[in-house]
Amino acid sequence: MTGIDFFFPGVWVHELSHAVACVLGNVPIHRVEVRPHSGMVVHEQSSVRNSLLIGFAPLIVGSFFSILLFSISKSAWEQSPILSIALFWLGFSIAFHSIPSHQDVANIPMTISLRLGQLWRGSASWPKKLAKSGVYFGLWPVAGIVSGFAFLVNLTLLTRVVWSLALAWAA
């Protein structure tokens, strides 16, 4: 067991949030794998909207549940310090793994490029092609900023720890 295995429950929440986002977006899932260090949800190609939802699901879901657990942990301290510590650890584990992975965010610009290519090869009218292209081009900088954020946070374990503690402080 390595030190990172200590945070294993967060991997479950991370991958399950991807899977739930797939189900909500009607994106077929081929396989869900969860291992102590990582996991993956293999699914069909999706729309840009669903790609954004699937890619950001761990950040949204993980942040929500970790802040909830941190809040409950704070209020439980007086009654049961052991329960409070366990809830804090669970919240920390979820926050630690709430950051989208490099692959999570790489899927977003890849989907935008794929859909843009399909749009221009398709039979849609020119005004529709231009309008949708504008939306897709507008999403690229957003995808780039989020990719940069995920890249920086994924550089070291320390940045994940800082993110997790920031969520604990926010609770």
Protein backbone atom coordinates (compact mmCIF):
# COMPACT_ATOMS: atom_id res chain seq x y z
CA MET A 1 0.00 0.00 0.00
CA THR A 2 1.35 3.40 -0.96
CA GLY A 3 0.46 6.72 0.61
CA ILE A 4 -1.91 7.55 -2.21
CA ASP A 5 -3.96 4.39 -1.49
CA PHE A 6 -5.03 6.08 1.73
CA PHE A 7 -7.23 8.36 -0.39
CA PHE A 8 -8.86 5.52 -2.33
CA PRO A 9 -12.54 6.38 -1.56
CA GLY A 10 -12.10 9.60 -3.53
CA VAL A 11 -11.32 7.58 -6.67
CA TRP A 12 -14.74 5.90 -6.38
CA VAL A 13 -16.53 9.25 -6.19
CA HIS A 14 -14.47 10.61 -9.09
CA GLU A 15 -15.25 7.69 -11.42
CA LEU A 16 -18.88 7.34 -10.31
CA SER A 17 -19.44 11.03 -11.02
CA HIS A 18 -18.22 10.43 -14.59
CA ALA A 19 -20.57 7.44 -14.86
CA VAL A 20 -23.57 9.38 -13.49
CA ALA A 21 -22.85 12.22 -15.93
CA CYS A 22 -22.84 9.66 -18.76
CA VAL A 23 -26.18 8.28 -17.61
CA LEU A 24 -27.67 11.78 -17.29
CA GLY A 25 -26.46 12.62 -20.80
CA ASN A 26 -27.64 9.29 -22.28
CA VAL A 27 -24.05 8.43 -23.23
CA PRO A 28 -23.55 4.65 -23.36
CA ILE A 29 -20.91 3.31 -20.96
CA HIS A 30 -18.72 0.39 -22.04
CA ARG A 31 -16.72 -0.13 -18.86
CA VAL A 32 -16.02 1.38 -15.44
CA GLU A 33 -12.73 0.54 -13.75
CA VAL A 34 -11.64 1.64 -10.28
CA ARG A 35 -8.16 0.88 -8.99
CA PRO A 36 -6.43 2.17 -5.85
CA HIS A 37 -4.54 4.93 -7.72
CA SER A 38 -6.89 5.69 -10.57
CA GLY A 39 -9.79 4.55 -12.65
CA MET A 40 -11.60 5.18 -15.87
CA VAL A 41 -15.03 5.26 -17.44
CA VAL A 42 -14.95 4.15 -21.06
CA HIS A 43 -17.93 5.55 -22.94
CA GLU A 44 -19.17 6.41 -26.42
CA GLN A 45 -18.28 9.70 -28.07
CA SER A 46 -20.68 12.40 -26.94
CA SER A 47 -21.84 15.91 -27.72
CA VAL A 48 -19.80 18.90 -26.60
CA ARG A 49 -22.34 19.59 -23.83
CA ASN A 50 -22.09 16.03 -22.54
CA SER A 51 -18.30 16.09 -22.85
CA LEU A 52 -18.21 19.18 -20.63
CA LEU A 53 -20.60 17.57 -18.14
CA ILE A 54 -18.65 14.29 -18.04
CA GLY A 55 -15.28 16.05 -17.80
CA PHE A 56 -16.28 18.43 -15.01
CA ALA A 57 -18.49 16.01 -13.06
CA PRO A 58 -15.75 15.01 -10.57
CA LEU A 59 -14.98 18.64 -9.79
CA ILE A 60 -18.63 19.55 -9.25
CA VAL A 61 -19.71 16.40 -7.42
CA GLY A 62 -16.46 15.99 -5.48
CA SER A 63 -16.40 19.62 -4.32
CA PHE A 64 -20.04 19.43 -3.23
CA PHE A 65 -19.64 16.21 -1.22
CA SER A 66 -16.30 17.17 0.31
CA ILE A 67 -17.65 20.53 1.52
CA LEU A 68 -20.72 18.73 2.89
CA LEU A 69 -18.55 16.18 4.72
CA PHE A 70 -16.22 18.90 6.04
CA SER A 71 -19.23 20.81 7.40
CA ILE A 72 -20.66 17.72 9.10
CA SER A 73 -17.19 16.91 10.45
CA LYS A 74 -16.92 20.35 12.06
CA SER A 75 -20.31 20.06 13.74
CA ALA A 76 -19.64 16.47 14.90
CA TRP A 77 -16.39 17.33 16.69
CA GLU A 78 -18.00 18.04 20.08
CA GLN A 79 -20.13 14.87 20.06
CA SER A 80 -17.67 12.40 18.54
CA PRO A 81 -14.12 13.40 17.66
CA ILE A 82 -13.46 9.98 16.07
CA LEU A 83 -16.48 10.32 13.76
CA SER A 84 -15.42 13.88 12.99
CA ILE A 85 -11.91 12.75 12.00
CA ALA A 86 -13.33 9.93 9.84
CA LEU A 87 -15.69 12.35 8.07
CA PHE A 88 -12.86 14.84 7.56
CA TRP A 89 -10.66 12.08 6.08
CA LEU A 90 -13.48 11.01 3.73
CA GLY A 91 -14.08 14.63 2.67
CA PHE A 92 -10.35 15.10 2.13
CA SER A 93 -10.15 11.93 0.05
CA ILE A 94 -13.03 13.07 -2.15
CA ALA A 95 -11.60 16.60 -2.52
CA PHE A 96 -8.15 15.17 -3.33
CA HIS A 97 -9.62 13.25 -6.27
CA SER A 98 -12.15 15.87 -7.37
CA ILE A 99 -9.67 17.51 -9.74
CA PRO A 100 -10.27 16.41 -13.34
CA SER A 101 -7.40 14.32 -14.67
CA HIS A 102 -5.38 15.25 -17.76
CA GLN A 103 -7.47 12.80 -19.78
CA ASP A 104 -10.73 14.22 -18.40
CA VAL A 105 -9.94 17.68 -19.68
CA ALA A 106 -8.19 16.49 -22.86
CA ASN A 107 -11.47 14.89 -23.94
CA ILE A 108 -13.21 18.29 -24.06
CA PRO A 109 -11.15 20.03 -26.79
CA MET A 110 -10.93 16.70 -28.63
CA THR A 111 -14.74 16.49 -28.68
CA ILE A 112 -15.01 20.13 -29.79
CA SER A 113 -12.61 19.43 -32.69
CA LEU A 114 -14.44 16.24 -33.63
CA ARG A 115 -17.86 17.93 -33.60
CA LEU A 116 -16.54 20.93 -35.53
CA GLY A 117 -15.22 18.63 -38.24
CA GLN A 118 -18.51 16.72 -38.37
CA LEU A 119 -20.43 19.99 -38.59
CA TRP A 120 -18.50 21.24 -41.63
CA ARG A 121 -18.63 17.87 -43.38
CA GLY A 122 -22.38 17.64 -42.75
CA SER A 123 -25.32 19.00 -44.69
CA ALA A 124 -26.30 21.82 -42.33
CA SER A 125 -26.93 25.26 -43.82
CA TRP A 126 -24.10 27.82 -43.89
CA PRO A 127 -25.71 30.09 -41.25
CA LYS A 128 -26.11 27.12 -38.90
CA LYS A 129 -22.51 26.01 -39.54
CA LEU A 130 -21.21 29.52 -38.82
CA ALA A 131 -23.32 29.93 -35.68
CA LYS A 132 -22.32 26.56 -34.22
CA SER A 133 -18.68 27.15 -35.17
CA GLY A 134 -18.76 30.39 -33.19
CA VAL A 135 -20.01 28.52 -30.14
CA TYR A 136 -17.36 25.83 -30.53
CA PHE A 137 -14.57 28.37 -31.01
CA GLY A 138 -15.85 30.22 -27.92
CA LEU A 139 -15.60 27.02 -25.87
CA TRP A 140 -11.97 26.38 -26.83
CA PRO A 141 -10.51 29.09 -24.54
CA VAL A 142 -12.67 27.83 -21.66
CA ALA A 143 -11.43 24.29 -22.29
CA GLY A 144 -7.87 25.64 -22.43
CA ILE A 145 -8.17 27.48 -19.11
CA VAL A 146 -9.65 24.44 -17.39
CA SER A 147 -7.00 22.20 -18.96
CA GLY A 148 -4.33 24.54 -17.65
CA PHE A 149 -5.87 24.53 -14.18
CA ALA A 150 -6.07 20.72 -14.15
CA PHE A 151 -2.50 20.45 -15.45
CA LEU A 152 -1.15 22.75 -12.72
CA VAL A 153 -3.07 21.05 -9.93
CA ASN A 154 -2.04 17.60 -11.18
CA LEU A 155 1.66 18.55 -11.22
CA THR A 156 2.30 17.58 -7.60
CA LEU A 157 0.53 15.99 -4.68
CA LEU A 158 1.05 19.23 -2.77
CA THR A 159 -1.28 21.15 -5.09
CA ARG A 160 -3.99 18.52 -4.56
CA VAL A 161 -3.49 18.80 -0.80
CA VAL A 162 -3.79 22.60 -1.01
CA TRP A 163 -7.01 22.25 -3.07
CA SER A 164 -8.44 19.80 -0.52
CA LEU A 165 -7.57 22.07 2.41
CA ALA A 166 -9.06 25.05 0.59
CA LEU A 167 -12.36 23.19 0.31
CA ALA A 168 -12.13 22.25 4.01
CA TRP A 169 -11.56 25.89 4.88
CA ALA A 170 -14.53 26.93 2.71
CA ALA A 171 -16.90 24.56 4.53
